[in-house]
PDB file of N, CA and C in Angstrom:
ATOM      1  N   UNK A   1      54.950 103.062 108.924  1.00  0.00           N
ATOM      2  CA  UNK A   1      54.980 102.625 107.539  1.00  0.00           C
ATOM      3  C   UNK A   1      56.430 102.302 107.158  1.00  0.00           C
ATOM      4  N   UNK A   2      56.654 101.175 106.560  1.00  0.00           N
ATOM      5  CA  UNK A   2      58.006 100.717 106.255  1.00  0.00           C
ATOM      6  C   UNK A   2      58.734 101.622 105.267  1.00  0.00           C
ATOM      7  N   UNK A   3      58.026 102.147 104.289  1.00  0.00           N
ATOM      8  CA  UNK A   3      58.682 102.983 103.286  1.00  0.00           C
ATOM      9  C   UNK A   3      59.267 104.249 103.914  1.00  0.00           C
ATOM     10  N   UNK A   4      58.567 104.834 104.879  1.00  0.00           N
ATOM     11  CA  UNK A   4      59.099 106.009 105.558  1.00  0.00           C
ATOM     12  C   UNK A   4      60.277 105.649 106.453  1.00  0.00           C
ATOM     13  N   UNK A   5      60.246 104.455 107.037  1.00  0.00           N
ATOM     14  CA  UNK A   5      61.362 103.993 107.852  1.00  0.00           C
ATOM     15  C   UNK A   5      62.615 103.842 106.984  1.00  0.00           C
ATOM     16  N   UNK A   6      62.447 103.316 105.781  1.00  0.00           N
ATOM     17  CA  UNK A   6      63.567 103.187 104.853  1.00  0.00           C
ATOM     18  C   UNK A   6      64.101 104.568 104.463  1.00  0.00           C
ATOM     19  N   UNK A   7      63.198 105.516 104.249  1.00  0.00           N
ATOM     20  CA  UNK A   7      63.605 106.875 103.905  1.00  0.00           C
ATOM     21  C   UNK A   7      64.392 107.509 105.049  1.00  0.00           C
ATOM     22  N   UNK A   8      63.971 107.248 106.288  1.00  0.00           N
ATOM     23  CA  UNK A   8      64.688 107.769 107.455  1.00  0.00           C
ATOM     24  C   UNK A   8      66.094 107.190 107.534  1.00  0.00           C
ATOM     25  N   UNK A   9      66.220 105.903 107.273  1.00  0.00           N
ATOM     26  CA  UNK A   9      67.552 105.274 107.282  1.00  0.00           C
ATOM     27  C   UNK A   9      68.439 105.856 106.194  1.00  0.00           C
ATOM     28  N   UNK A  10      67.857 106.047 105.023  1.00  0.00           N
ATOM     29  CA  UNK A  10      68.617 106.626 103.917  1.00  0.00           C
ATOM     30  C   UNK A  10      69.027 108.055 104.261  1.00  0.00           C
ATOM     31  N   UNK A  11      68.145 108.820 104.870  1.00  0.00           N
ATOM     32  CA  UNK A  11      68.459 110.190 105.274  1.00  0.00           C
ATOM     33  C   UNK A  11      69.614 110.200 106.268  1.00  0.00           C
ATOM     34  N   UNK A  12      69.589 109.296 107.237  1.00  0.00           N
ATOM     35  CA  UNK A  12      70.663 109.206 108.230  1.00  0.00           C
ATOM     36  C   UNK A  12      71.988 108.837 107.563  1.00  0.00           C
ATOM     37  N   UNK A  13      71.960 107.891 106.642  1.00  0.00           N
ATOM     38  CA  UNK A  13      73.153 107.510 105.897  1.00  0.00           C
ATOM     39  C   UNK A  13      73.724 108.716 105.156  1.00  0.00           C
ATOM     40  N   UNK A  14      72.866 109.470 104.491  1.00  0.00           N
ATOM     41  CA  UNK A  14      73.300 110.644 103.734  1.00  0.00           C
ATOM     42  C   UNK A  14      73.905 111.690 104.668  1.00  0.00           C
ATOM     43  N   UNK A  15      73.297 111.902 105.823  1.00  0.00           N
ATOM     44  CA  UNK A  15      73.845 112.862 106.794  1.00  0.00           C
ATOM     45  C   UNK A  15      75.254 112.454 107.215  1.00  0.00           C
ATOM     46  N   UNK A  16      75.442 111.174 107.505  1.00  0.00           N
ATOM     47  CA  UNK A  16      76.763 110.695 107.910  1.00  0.00           C
ATOM     48  C   UNK A  16      77.781 110.859 106.778  1.00  0.00           C
ATOM     49  N   UNK A  17      77.346 110.599 105.539  1.00  0.00           N
ATOM     50  CA  UNK A  17      78.234 110.786 104.392  1.00  0.00           C
ATOM     51  C   UNK A  17      78.631 112.252 104.244  1.00  0.00           C
ATOM     52  N   UNK A  18      77.669 113.144 104.372  1.00  0.00           N
ATOM     53  CA  UNK A  18      77.948 114.565 104.201  1.00  0.00           C
ATOM     54  C   UNK A  18      78.853 115.103 105.302  1.00  0.00           C
ATOM     55  N   UNK A  19      78.709 114.565 106.510  1.00  0.00           N
ATOM     56  CA  UNK A  19      79.519 115.008 107.641  1.00  0.00           C
ATOM     57  C   UNK A  19      80.862 114.272 107.706  1.00  0.00           C
ATOM     58  N   UNK A  20      81.058 113.308 106.837  1.00  0.00           N
ATOM     59  CA  UNK A  20      82.282 112.512 106.755  1.00  0.00           C
ATOM     60  C   UNK A  20      82.604 111.858 108.101  1.00  0.00           C
ATOM     61  N   UNK A  21      81.581 111.236 108.685  1.00  0.00           N
ATOM     62  CA  UNK A  21      81.771 110.545 109.967  1.00  0.00           C
ATOM     63  C   UNK A  21      81.067 109.200 109.968  1.00  0.00           C
ATOM     64  N   UNK A  22      81.336 108.404 108.937  1.00  0.00           N
ATOM     65  CA  UNK A  22      80.665 107.119 108.809  1.00  0.00           C
ATOM     66  C   UNK A  22      81.380 105.993 109.547  1.00  0.00           C
ATOM     67  N   UNK A  23      82.689 106.054 109.623  1.00  0.00           N
ATOM     68  CA  UNK A  23      83.449 104.920 110.120  1.00  0.00           C
ATOM     69  C   UNK A  23      83.553 103.873 109.022  1.00  0.00           C
ATOM     70  N   UNK A  24      84.083 102.718 109.365  1.00  0.00           N
ATOM     71  CA  UNK A  24      84.230 101.622 108.402  1.00  0.00           C
ATOM     72  C   UNK A  24      82.860 101.041 108.062  1.00  0.00           C
ATOM     73  N   UNK A  25      82.808 100.201 107.044  1.00  0.00           N
ATOM     74  CA  UNK A  25      81.543  99.660 106.531  1.00  0.00           C
ATOM     75  C   UNK A  25      80.725  98.946 107.603  1.00  0.00           C
ATOM     76  N   UNK A  26      81.341  98.079 108.386  1.00  0.00           N
ATOM     77  CA  UNK A  26      80.599  97.335 109.410  1.00  0.00           C
ATOM     78  C   UNK A  26      80.014  98.278 110.452  1.00  0.00           C
ATOM     79  N   UNK A  27      80.796  99.257 110.850  1.00  0.00           N
ATOM     80  CA  UNK A  27      80.343 100.239 111.835  1.00  0.00           C
ATOM     81  C   UNK A  27      79.195 101.083 111.270  1.00  0.00           C
ATOM     82  N   UNK A  28      79.323 101.509 110.026  1.00  0.00           N
ATOM     83  CA  UNK A  28      78.291 102.314 109.384  1.00  0.00           C
ATOM     84  C   UNK A  28      76.989 101.528 109.253  1.00  0.00           C
ATOM     85  N   UNK A  29      77.088 100.297 108.809  1.00  0.00           N
ATOM     86  CA  UNK A  29      75.892  99.460 108.661  1.00  0.00           C
ATOM     87  C   UNK A  29      75.172  99.313 110.000  1.00  0.00           C
ATOM     88  N   UNK A  30      75.928  99.102 111.063  1.00  0.00           N
ATOM     89  CA  UNK A  30      75.333  98.960 112.388  1.00  0.00           C
ATOM     90  C   UNK A  30      74.658 100.266 112.816  1.00  0.00           C
ATOM     91  N   UNK A  31      75.293 101.400 112.575  1.00  0.00           N
ATOM     92  CA  UNK A  31      74.721 102.695 112.960  1.00  0.00           C
ATOM     93  C   UNK A  31      73.410 102.972 112.228  1.00  0.00           C
ATOM     94  N   UNK A  32      73.363 102.583 110.953  1.00  0.00           N
ATOM     95  CA  UNK A  32      72.174 102.844 110.145  1.00  0.00           C
ATOM     96  C   UNK A  32      71.090 101.792 110.395  1.00  0.00           C
ATOM     97  N   UNK A  33      71.490 100.629 110.920  1.00  0.00           N
ATOM     98  CA  UNK A  33      70.516  99.576 111.226  1.00  0.00           C
ATOM     99  C   UNK A  33      70.240  98.648 110.066  1.00  0.00           C
ATOM    100  N   UNK A  34      71.265  98.425 109.234  1.00  0.00           N
ATOM    101  CA  UNK A  34      71.136  97.532 108.089  1.00  0.00           C
ATOM    102  C   UNK A  34      72.329  96.595 108.055  1.00  0.00           C
ATOM    103  N   UNK A  35      72.247  95.572 107.208  1.00  0.00           N
ATOM    104  CA  UNK A  35      73.372  94.653 107.070  1.00  0.00           C
ATOM    105  C   UNK A  35      74.463  95.313 106.225  1.00  0.00           C
ATOM    106  N   UNK A  36      75.644  94.764 106.336  1.00  0.00           N
ATOM    107  CA  UNK A  36      76.776  95.284 105.564  1.00  0.00           C
ATOM    108  C   UNK A  36      76.507  95.154 104.062  1.00  0.00           C
ATOM    109  N   UNK A  37      75.922  94.032 103.653  1.00  0.00           N
ATOM    110  CA  UNK A  37      75.632  93.841 102.229  1.00  0.00           C
ATOM    111  C   UNK A  37      74.577  94.835 101.748  1.00  0.00           C
ATOM    112  N   UNK A  38      73.566  95.121 102.586  1.00  0.00           N
ATOM    113  CA  UNK A  38      72.547  96.108 102.231  1.00  0.00           C
ATOM    114  C   UNK A  38      73.184  97.500 102.127  1.00  0.00           C
ATOM    115  N   UNK A  39      74.140  97.792 102.990  1.00  0.00           N
ATOM    116  CA  UNK A  39      74.857  99.068 102.924  1.00  0.00           C
ATOM    117  C   UNK A  39      75.533  99.219 101.570  1.00  0.00           C
ATOM    118  N   UNK A  40      76.236  98.179 101.133  1.00  0.00           N
ATOM    119  CA  UNK A  40      76.924  98.259  99.845  1.00  0.00           C
ATOM    120  C   UNK A  40      75.931  98.394  98.690  1.00  0.00           C
ATOM    121  N   UNK A  41      74.773  97.747  98.817  1.00  0.00           N
ATOM    122  CA  UNK A  41      73.732  97.905  97.792  1.00  0.00           C
ATOM    123  C   UNK A  41      73.266  99.357  97.725  1.00  0.00           C
ATOM    124  N   UNK A  42      73.023  99.968  98.886  1.00  0.00           N
ATOM    125  CA  UNK A  42      72.583 101.367  98.923  1.00  0.00           C
ATOM    126  C   UNK A  42      73.651 102.299  98.354  1.00  0.00           C
ATOM    127  N   UNK A  43      74.907 102.068  98.730  1.00  0.00           N
ATOM    128  CA  UNK A  43      75.992 102.900  98.206  1.00  0.00           C
ATOM    129  C   UNK A  43      76.078 102.784  96.687  1.00  0.00           C
ATOM    130  N   UNK A  44      75.908 101.575  96.166  1.00  0.00           N
ATOM    131  CA  UNK A  44      75.942 101.382  94.712  1.00  0.00           C
ATOM    132  C   UNK A  44      74.754 102.046  94.032  1.00  0.00           C
ATOM    133  N   UNK A  45      73.588 101.999  94.665  1.00  0.00           N
ATOM    134  CA  UNK A  45      72.413 102.677  94.108  1.00  0.00           C
ATOM    135  C   UNK A  45      72.638 104.180  94.059  1.00  0.00           C
ATOM    136  N   UNK A  46      73.192 104.727  95.132  1.00  0.00           N
ATOM    137  CA  UNK A  46      73.479 106.162  95.160  1.00  0.00           C
ATOM    138  C   UNK A  46      74.505 106.532  94.093  1.00  0.00           C
ATOM    139  N   UNK A  47      75.527 105.700  93.952  1.00  0.00           N
ATOM    140  CA  UNK A  47      76.527 105.944  92.908  1.00  0.00           C
ATOM    141  C   UNK A  47      75.901 105.860  91.521  1.00  0.00           C
ATOM    142  N   UNK A  48      75.011 104.891  91.336  1.00  0.00           N
ATOM    143  CA  UNK A  48      74.317 104.734  90.061  1.00  0.00           C
ATOM    144  C   UNK A  48      73.447 105.935  89.724  1.00  0.00           C
ATOM    145  N   UNK A  49      72.969 106.628  90.761  1.00  0.00           N
ATOM    146  CA  UNK A  49      72.157 107.829  90.566  1.00  0.00           C
ATOM    147  C   UNK A  49      73.015 109.074  90.362  1.00  0.00           C
ATOM    148  N   UNK A  50      74.345 108.892  90.424  1.00  0.00           N
ATOM    149  CA  UNK A  50      75.242 110.010  90.152  1.00  0.00           C
ATOM    150  C   UNK A  50      76.048 110.517  91.336  1.00  0.00           C
ATOM    151  N   UNK A  51      75.831 109.970  92.531  1.00  0.00           N
ATOM    152  CA  UNK A  51      76.588 110.412  93.705  1.00  0.00           C
ATOM    153  C   UNK A  51      78.032 109.913  93.598  1.00  0.00           C
ATOM    154  N   UNK A  52      78.941 110.774  93.966  1.00  0.00           N
ATOM    155  CA  UNK A  52      80.357 110.405  93.979  1.00  0.00           C
ATOM    156  C   UNK A  52      80.746 110.142  95.434  1.00  0.00           C
ATOM    157  N   UNK A  53      80.839 108.851  95.762  1.00  0.00           N
ATOM    158  CA  UNK A  53      81.125 108.416  97.132  1.00  0.00           C
ATOM    159  C   UNK A  53      82.431 107.642  97.121  1.00  0.00           C
ATOM    160  N   UNK A  54      83.327 108.031  98.022  1.00  0.00           N
ATOM    161  CA  UNK A  54      84.618 107.355  98.125  1.00  0.00           C
ATOM    162  C   UNK A  54      84.925 107.081  99.590  1.00  0.00           C
ATOM    163  N   UNK A  55      85.773 106.093  99.832  1.00  0.00           N
ATOM    164  CA  UNK A  55      86.229 105.828 101.191  1.00  0.00           C
ATOM    165  C   UNK A  55      87.556 106.536 101.400  1.00  0.00           C
ATOM    166  N   UNK A  56      87.645 107.347 102.450  1.00  0.00           N
ATOM    167  CA  UNK A  56      88.861 108.082 102.778  1.00  0.00           C
ATOM    168  C   UNK A  56      89.529 107.373 103.955  1.00  0.00           C
ATOM    169  N   UNK A  57      90.670 106.763 103.712  1.00  0.00           N
ATOM    170  CA  UNK A  57      91.357 106.000 104.760  1.00  0.00           C
ATOM    171  C   UNK A  57      91.872 106.888 105.881  1.00  0.00           C
ATOM    172  N   UNK A  58      92.283 108.096 105.561  1.00  0.00           N
ATOM    173  CA  UNK A  58      92.782 109.007 106.592  1.00  0.00           C
ATOM    174  C   UNK A  58      91.675 109.399 107.571  1.00  0.00           C
ATOM    175  N   UNK A  59      90.480 109.616 107.049  1.00  0.00           N
ATOM    176  CA  UNK A  59      89.343 109.991 107.891  1.00  0.00           C
ATOM    177  C   UNK A  59      88.585 108.776 108.405  1.00  0.00           C
ATOM    178  N   UNK A  60      88.917 107.596 107.887  1.00  0.00           N
ATOM    179  CA  UNK A  60      88.202 106.361 108.210  1.00  0.00           C
ATOM    180  C   UNK A  60      86.704 106.566 108.006  1.00  0.00           C
ATOM    181  N   UNK A  61      86.364 107.109 106.829  1.00  0.00           N
ATOM    182  CA  UNK A  61      84.976 107.441 106.554  1.00  0.00           C
ATOM    183  C   UNK A  61      84.697 107.425 105.059  1.00  0.00           C
ATOM    184  N   UNK A  62      83.454 107.041 104.731  1.00  0.00           N
ATOM    185  CA  UNK A  62      82.980 107.243 103.371  1.00  0.00           C
ATOM    186  C   UNK A  62      82.637 108.722 103.255  1.00  0.00           C
ATOM    187  N   UNK A  63      82.933 109.304 102.109  1.00  0.00           N
ATOM    188  CA  UNK A  63      82.743 110.738 101.922  1.00  0.00           C
ATOM    189  C   UNK A  63      82.123 111.020 100.562  1.00  0.00           C
ATOM    190  N   UNK A  64      81.367 112.102 100.504  1.00  0.00           N
ATOM    191  CA  UNK A  64      80.865 112.601  99.226  1.00  0.00           C
ATOM    192  C   UNK A  64      81.923 113.509  98.628  1.00  0.00           C
ATOM    193  N   UNK A  65      82.066 113.438  97.318  1.00  0.00           N
ATOM    194  CA  UNK A  65      83.018 114.310  96.630  1.00  0.00           C
ATOM    195  C   UNK A  65      82.576 115.761  96.783  1.00  0.00           C
ATOM    196  N   UNK A  66      83.521 116.656  96.737  1.00  0.00           N
ATOM    197  CA  UNK A  66      83.231 118.086  96.825  1.00  0.00           C
ATOM    198  C   UNK A  66      82.211 118.473  95.761  1.00  0.00           C
ATOM    199  N   UNK A  67      81.218 119.224  96.158  1.00  0.00           N
ATOM    200  CA  UNK A  67      80.197 119.677  95.224  1.00  0.00           C
ATOM    201  C   UNK A  67      79.061 118.689  95.015  1.00  0.00           C
ATOM    202  N   UNK A  68      79.111 117.546  95.669  1.00  0.00           N
ATOM    203  CA  UNK A  68      78.054 116.535  95.537  1.00  0.00           C
ATOM    204  C   UNK A  68      77.126 116.627  96.746  1.00  0.00           C
ATOM    205  N   UNK A  69      75.830 116.700  96.485  1.00  0.00           N
ATOM    206  CA  UNK A  69      74.817 116.712  97.542  1.00  0.00           C
ATOM    207  C   UNK A  69      73.747 115.680  97.214  1.00  0.00           C
ATOM    208  N   UNK A  70      73.216 115.073  98.236  1.00  0.00           N
ATOM    209  CA  UNK A  70      72.128 114.121  98.077  1.00  0.00           C
ATOM    210  C   UNK A  70      70.957 114.643  98.905  1.00  0.00           C
ATOM    211  N   UNK A  71      69.803 114.762  98.279  1.00  0.00           N
ATOM    212  CA  UNK A  71      68.604 115.200  98.977  1.00  0.00           C
ATOM    213  C   UNK A  71      67.630 114.041  99.098  1.00  0.00           C
ATOM    214  N   UNK A  72      67.211 113.770 100.327  1.00  0.00           N
ATOM    215  CA  UNK A  72      66.218 112.745 100.592  1.00  0.00           C
ATOM    216  C   UNK A  72      65.017 113.464 101.189  1.00  0.00           C
ATOM    217  N   UNK A  73      63.919 113.447 100.478  1.00  0.00           N
ATOM    218  CA  UNK A  73      62.711 114.107 100.959  1.00  0.00           C
ATOM    219  C   UNK A  73      61.838 113.098 101.682  1.00  0.00           C
ATOM    220  N   UNK A  74      61.395 113.467 102.878  1.00  0.00           N
ATOM    221  CA  UNK A  74      60.530 112.597 103.650  1.00  0.00           C
ATOM    222  C   UNK A  74      59.620 113.433 104.509  1.00  0.00           C
ATOM    223  N   UNK A  75      58.539 112.974 105.033  1.00  0.00           N
ATOM    224  CA  UNK A  75      58.049 111.628 104.778  1.00  0.00           C
ATOM    225  C   UNK A  75      57.533 111.495 103.350  1.00  0.00           C
ATOM    226  N   UNK A  76      57.495 110.289 102.900  1.00  0.00           N
ATOM    227  CA  UNK A  76      56.967 110.015 101.586  1.00  0.00           C
ATOM    228  C   UNK A  76      55.450 110.045 101.692  1.00  0.00           C
ATOM    229  N   UNK A  77      54.839 110.813 100.827  1.00  0.00           N
ATOM    230  CA  UNK A  77      53.382 110.921 100.837  1.00  0.00           C
ATOM    231  C   UNK A  77      52.845 110.591  99.454  1.00  0.00           C
ATOM    232  N   UNK A  78      51.640 110.073  99.434  1.00  0.00           N
ATOM    233  CA  UNK A  78      50.967 109.727  98.180  1.00  0.00           C
ATOM    234  C   UNK A  78      49.758 110.632  98.045  1.00  0.00           C
ATOM    235  N   UNK A  79      49.623 111.263  96.902  1.00  0.00           N
ATOM    236  CA  UNK A  79      48.471 112.113  96.652  1.00  0.00           C
ATOM    237  C   UNK A  79      47.683 111.529  95.490  1.00  0.00           C
ATOM    238  N   UNK A  80      46.374 111.542  95.627  1.00  0.00           N
ATOM    239  CA  UNK A  80      45.498 111.083  94.555  1.00  0.00           C
ATOM    240  C   UNK A  80      45.034 112.317  93.803  1.00  0.00           C
ATOM    241  N   UNK A  81      45.422 112.419  92.547  1.00  0.00           N
ATOM    242  CA  UNK A  81      45.046 113.546  91.709  1.00  0.00           C
ATOM    243  C   UNK A  81      43.916 113.103  90.799  1.00  0.00           C
ATOM    244  N   UNK A  82      42.836 113.835  90.834  1.00  0.00           N
ATOM    245  CA  UNK A  82      41.667 113.480  90.035  1.00  0.00           C
ATOM    246  C   UNK A  82      41.485 114.473  88.907  1.00  0.00           C
TER     247      UNK A  82
END
């Protein structure tokens, strides 16, 4: 299912952000399996949701600010409530 595949990619992106081992944008996009422009869209969406994400030149990595956590729950399931 495509929606779960997207959730897996987002989860992997979040793991790399939390571990501060993303590399530069092109490298990160390739690791996650998305285009560079899609990567920037995802980063902006996460920022819009309140995540504090910055690029650290010394670490050559995008990083989450101290005290910031992102939770991605998967697999995505649909329940019919009657």
